[in-house]
N, C-alpha and C. Protein backbone atom coordinates (compact mmCIF):
# COMPACT_ATOMS: atom_id res chain seq x y z
N MET A 1 0.84 -1.17 0.00
CA MET A 1 0.00 0.00 0.00
C MET A 1 0.89 1.24 0.00
N ILE A 2 0.42 2.26 -0.71
CA ILE A 2 1.13 3.54 -0.82
C ILE A 2 0.23 4.65 -0.30
N ILE A 3 0.79 5.56 0.46
CA ILE A 3 0.09 6.77 0.87
C ILE A 3 0.78 7.92 0.15
N ARG A 4 -0.01 8.77 -0.54
CA ARG A 4 0.57 9.89 -1.27
C ARG A 4 -0.40 11.06 -1.26
N ARG A 5 0.12 12.22 -1.63
CA ARG A 5 -0.73 13.40 -1.74
C ARG A 5 -1.72 13.21 -2.88
N ALA A 6 -2.92 13.65 -2.63
CA ALA A 6 -3.95 13.59 -3.68
C ALA A 6 -3.66 14.64 -4.75
N THR A 7 -4.09 14.34 -5.96
CA THR A 7 -3.95 15.27 -7.08
C THR A 7 -5.33 15.50 -7.69
N ILE A 8 -5.38 16.43 -8.63
CA ILE A 8 -6.67 16.68 -9.28
C ILE A 8 -7.16 15.43 -10.02
N TRP A 9 -6.24 14.57 -10.41
CA TRP A 9 -6.63 13.36 -11.13
C TRP A 9 -7.33 12.34 -10.22
N ASP A 10 -7.22 12.55 -8.91
CA ASP A 10 -7.87 11.67 -7.94
C ASP A 10 -9.28 12.14 -7.55
N ALA A 11 -9.61 13.35 -7.94
CA ALA A 11 -10.85 13.98 -7.45
C ALA A 11 -12.11 13.17 -7.78
N THR A 12 -12.22 12.64 -8.97
CA THR A 12 -13.41 11.88 -9.35
C THR A 12 -13.60 10.67 -8.45
N LYS A 13 -12.53 9.94 -8.18
CA LYS A 13 -12.61 8.77 -7.31
C LYS A 13 -12.94 9.17 -5.88
N ILE A 14 -12.39 10.27 -5.41
CA ILE A 14 -12.67 10.72 -4.05
C ILE A 14 -14.12 11.15 -3.91
N VAL A 15 -14.67 11.81 -4.91
CA VAL A 15 -16.09 12.18 -4.88
C VAL A 15 -16.95 10.92 -4.82
N GLU A 16 -16.59 9.92 -5.59
CA GLU A 16 -17.32 8.64 -5.57
C GLU A 16 -17.25 8.01 -4.18
N MET A 17 -16.07 8.01 -3.58
CA MET A 17 -15.92 7.43 -2.25
C MET A 17 -16.64 8.26 -1.20
N TRP A 18 -16.67 9.57 -1.37
CA TRP A 18 -17.40 10.44 -0.44
C TRP A 18 -18.88 10.07 -0.42
N ALA A 19 -19.46 9.86 -1.60
CA ALA A 19 -20.87 9.48 -1.68
C ALA A 19 -21.10 8.13 -0.98
N LEU A 20 -20.18 7.18 -1.15
CA LEU A 20 -20.28 5.90 -0.46
C LEU A 20 -20.22 6.08 1.06
N MET A 21 -19.31 6.94 1.50
CA MET A 21 -19.18 7.20 2.93
C MET A 21 -20.48 7.77 3.50
N GLU A 22 -21.08 8.73 2.78
CA GLU A 22 -22.34 9.32 3.24
C GLU A 22 -23.44 8.27 3.33
N ASP A 23 -23.48 7.38 2.36
CA ASP A 23 -24.47 6.29 2.40
C ASP A 23 -24.25 5.39 3.61
N GLU A 24 -22.99 5.05 3.88
CA GLU A 24 -22.67 4.13 4.98
C GLU A 24 -23.05 4.70 6.34
N ILE A 25 -22.86 6.00 6.54
CA ILE A 25 -23.15 6.58 7.85
C ILE A 25 -24.54 7.22 7.90
N LYS A 26 -25.32 6.97 6.86
CA LYS A 26 -26.71 7.44 6.80
C LYS A 26 -26.81 8.96 6.88
N LEU A 27 -25.80 9.64 6.33
CA LEU A 27 -25.81 11.09 6.27
C LEU A 27 -26.68 11.50 5.10
N LYS A 28 -27.39 12.61 5.25
CA LYS A 28 -28.16 13.11 4.12
C LYS A 28 -27.18 13.28 2.97
N ASN A 29 -27.40 12.54 1.92
CA ASN A 29 -26.43 12.43 0.84
C ASN A 29 -26.27 13.73 0.08
N ARG A 30 -25.13 14.40 0.33
CA ARG A 30 -24.84 15.65 -0.38
C ARG A 30 -24.28 15.39 -1.77
N CYS A 31 -23.93 14.18 -2.06
CA CYS A 31 -23.42 13.83 -3.39
C CYS A 31 -24.43 12.97 -4.14
N ALA A 32 -25.70 13.23 -3.90
CA ALA A 32 -26.76 12.38 -4.45
C ALA A 32 -27.01 12.62 -5.93
N ASP A 33 -26.78 13.82 -6.41
CA ASP A 33 -27.02 14.06 -7.83
C ASP A 33 -25.78 14.70 -8.47
N ASP A 34 -25.83 14.83 -9.78
CA ASP A 34 -24.66 15.31 -10.51
C ASP A 34 -24.26 16.73 -10.13
N ILE A 35 -25.22 17.59 -9.84
CA ILE A 35 -24.91 18.98 -9.46
C ILE A 35 -24.16 18.99 -8.13
N GLN A 36 -24.63 18.21 -7.17
CA GLN A 36 -23.96 18.15 -5.86
C GLN A 36 -22.57 17.53 -5.98
N LYS A 37 -22.44 16.51 -6.82
CA LYS A 37 -21.13 15.89 -7.02
C LYS A 37 -20.16 16.89 -7.65
N GLU A 38 -20.64 17.67 -8.60
CA GLU A 38 -19.79 18.66 -9.24
C GLU A 38 -19.34 19.73 -8.24
N ARG A 39 -20.24 20.17 -7.37
CA ARG A 39 -19.88 21.16 -6.35
C ARG A 39 -18.82 20.61 -5.41
N PHE A 40 -18.98 19.37 -4.98
CA PHE A 40 -17.99 18.76 -4.09
C PHE A 40 -16.66 18.62 -4.83
N TYR A 41 -16.70 18.22 -6.08
CA TYR A 41 -15.51 18.06 -6.91
C TYR A 41 -14.73 19.37 -6.98
N VAL A 42 -15.43 20.47 -7.28
CA VAL A 42 -14.79 21.79 -7.39
C VAL A 42 -14.21 22.20 -6.04
N SER A 43 -14.98 21.97 -4.96
CA SER A 43 -14.51 22.32 -3.62
C SER A 43 -13.26 21.52 -3.26
N PHE A 44 -13.26 20.24 -3.57
CA PHE A 44 -12.11 19.39 -3.28
C PHE A 44 -10.88 19.87 -4.02
N ILE A 45 -11.01 20.17 -5.30
CA ILE A 45 -9.86 20.64 -6.09
C ILE A 45 -9.34 21.97 -5.54
N ALA A 46 -10.24 22.86 -5.15
CA ALA A 46 -9.81 24.15 -4.58
C ALA A 46 -8.96 23.92 -3.32
N LYS A 47 -9.35 22.95 -2.50
CA LYS A 47 -8.60 22.68 -1.27
C LYS A 47 -7.20 22.13 -1.57
N LEU A 48 -7.04 21.45 -2.69
CA LEU A 48 -5.72 20.93 -3.05
C LEU A 48 -4.69 22.04 -3.19
N TYR A 49 -5.14 23.24 -3.53
CA TYR A 49 -4.23 24.35 -3.78
C TYR A 49 -4.07 25.28 -2.57
N LYS A 50 -4.76 24.98 -1.47
CA LYS A 50 -4.62 25.78 -0.28
C LYS A 50 -3.46 25.24 0.55
N GLN A 51 -2.60 26.14 1.01
CA GLN A 51 -1.42 25.70 1.75
C GLN A 51 -1.75 25.15 3.13
N ASP A 52 -2.91 25.49 3.66
CA ASP A 52 -3.24 25.02 5.00
C ASP A 52 -4.07 23.74 4.99
N HIS A 53 -4.31 23.17 3.82
CA HIS A 53 -5.06 21.92 3.70
C HIS A 53 -4.18 20.83 3.11
N VAL A 54 -4.49 19.59 3.48
CA VAL A 54 -3.78 18.45 2.89
C VAL A 54 -4.79 17.34 2.63
N SER A 55 -4.64 16.70 1.51
CA SER A 55 -5.45 15.54 1.15
C SER A 55 -4.49 14.44 0.71
N LEU A 56 -4.65 13.28 1.30
CA LEU A 56 -3.83 12.12 0.97
C LEU A 56 -4.72 10.99 0.49
N VAL A 57 -4.18 10.14 -0.36
CA VAL A 57 -4.91 8.95 -0.79
C VAL A 57 -4.07 7.72 -0.47
N ALA A 58 -4.77 6.62 -0.21
CA ALA A 58 -4.12 5.32 -0.03
C ALA A 58 -4.38 4.51 -1.29
N GLU A 59 -3.32 3.90 -1.81
CA GLU A 59 -3.43 3.07 -3.01
C GLU A 59 -2.97 1.65 -2.71
N ALA A 60 -3.68 0.70 -3.28
CA ALA A 60 -3.27 -0.70 -3.26
C ALA A 60 -3.51 -1.25 -4.66
N ASP A 61 -2.54 -1.93 -5.20
CA ASP A 61 -2.62 -2.47 -6.56
C ASP A 61 -3.01 -1.39 -7.57
N ASN A 62 -2.43 -0.20 -7.41
CA ASN A 62 -2.66 0.94 -8.31
C ASN A 62 -4.10 1.44 -8.31
N LYS A 63 -4.85 1.17 -7.25
CA LYS A 63 -6.23 1.66 -7.13
C LYS A 63 -6.36 2.42 -5.82
N ILE A 64 -7.08 3.53 -5.87
CA ILE A 64 -7.32 4.30 -4.65
C ILE A 64 -8.31 3.54 -3.78
N ILE A 65 -7.91 3.30 -2.54
CA ILE A 65 -8.77 2.56 -1.61
C ILE A 65 -9.21 3.41 -0.42
N GLY A 66 -8.69 4.64 -0.34
CA GLY A 66 -9.07 5.49 0.78
C GLY A 66 -8.50 6.88 0.64
N PHE A 67 -8.99 7.77 1.50
CA PHE A 67 -8.46 9.13 1.53
C PHE A 67 -8.57 9.70 2.93
N ILE A 68 -7.78 10.73 3.17
CA ILE A 68 -7.85 11.49 4.42
C ILE A 68 -7.65 12.96 4.06
N GLN A 69 -8.41 13.81 4.72
CA GLN A 69 -8.28 15.25 4.51
C GLN A 69 -8.06 15.92 5.85
N GLY A 70 -7.32 17.00 5.84
CA GLY A 70 -7.10 17.74 7.06
C GLY A 70 -6.58 19.13 6.76
N HIS A 71 -6.37 19.88 7.83
CA HIS A 71 -5.82 21.22 7.69
C HIS A 71 -5.00 21.56 8.92
N VAL A 72 -4.15 22.57 8.78
CA VAL A 72 -3.34 23.06 9.89
C VAL A 72 -3.64 24.52 10.10
N GLN A 73 -3.50 24.95 11.35
CA GLN A 73 -3.72 26.37 11.65
C GLN A 73 -3.00 26.75 12.93
N TYR A 74 -2.73 28.03 13.06
CA TYR A 74 -2.13 28.59 14.27
C TYR A 74 -3.22 29.12 15.19
N PHE A 75 -2.86 29.33 16.42
CA PHE A 75 -3.71 30.01 17.40
C PHE A 75 -5.00 29.29 17.69
N GLU A 76 -4.97 27.99 17.71
CA GLU A 76 -6.14 27.20 18.08
C GLU A 76 -6.05 26.87 19.57
N TYR A 77 -7.13 26.95 20.26
CA TYR A 77 -7.21 26.58 21.67
C TYR A 77 -6.23 27.38 22.55
N GLY A 78 -6.05 28.65 22.20
CA GLY A 78 -5.24 29.52 23.03
C GLY A 78 -3.74 29.31 22.95
N THR A 79 -3.25 28.66 21.93
CA THR A 79 -1.82 28.43 21.79
C THR A 79 -1.31 29.07 20.51
N SER A 80 -0.03 29.35 20.47
CA SER A 80 0.57 29.92 19.26
C SER A 80 1.24 28.84 18.41
N GLU A 81 1.05 27.59 18.79
CA GLU A 81 1.64 26.48 18.05
C GLU A 81 0.80 26.11 16.83
N LEU A 82 1.44 25.51 15.87
CA LEU A 82 0.76 25.01 14.69
C LEU A 82 0.06 23.70 15.05
N ILE A 83 -1.23 23.61 14.78
CA ILE A 83 -2.02 22.44 15.14
C ILE A 83 -2.69 21.88 13.88
N GLY A 84 -2.65 20.57 13.72
CA GLY A 84 -3.29 19.92 12.58
C GLY A 84 -4.56 19.22 12.99
N HIS A 85 -5.52 19.21 12.08
CA HIS A 85 -6.80 18.56 12.31
C HIS A 85 -7.09 17.61 11.16
N CYS A 86 -7.53 16.43 11.46
CA CYS A 86 -8.02 15.51 10.44
C CYS A 86 -9.53 15.70 10.35
N SER A 87 -10.01 16.03 9.19
CA SER A 87 -11.44 16.31 9.06
C SER A 87 -12.23 15.15 8.45
N HIS A 88 -11.66 14.36 7.56
CA HIS A 88 -12.38 13.28 6.92
C HIS A 88 -11.44 12.12 6.61
N VAL A 89 -11.90 10.91 6.89
CA VAL A 89 -11.14 9.70 6.58
C VAL A 89 -12.13 8.68 6.01
N TYR A 90 -11.74 8.02 4.94
CA TYR A 90 -12.57 6.95 4.41
C TYR A 90 -11.68 5.91 3.75
N VAL A 91 -11.93 4.65 4.05
CA VAL A 91 -11.22 3.53 3.42
C VAL A 91 -12.25 2.46 3.10
N TYR A 92 -12.17 1.91 1.90
CA TYR A 92 -13.03 0.76 1.60
C TYR A 92 -12.25 -0.39 1.07
């Protein structure tokens, strides 16, 4: 298995996996139709270019099997240290 930074070429697969994740946790499916999927796709790609966000994918046998997203920021919880947060994880 390989863990690497996500690229724009991974966005379609990540959107697909996001919809699966929403189904699994019974979340109101925000990726239920093509318009919602396109919005998530654009949002995901925009985050790839933000310096305070990171998206990684896990690959096995040259196929994406999971992803993790997070961000870093200063001045969280009353500290001046840089703190990272994991916001989304999905593996299938």
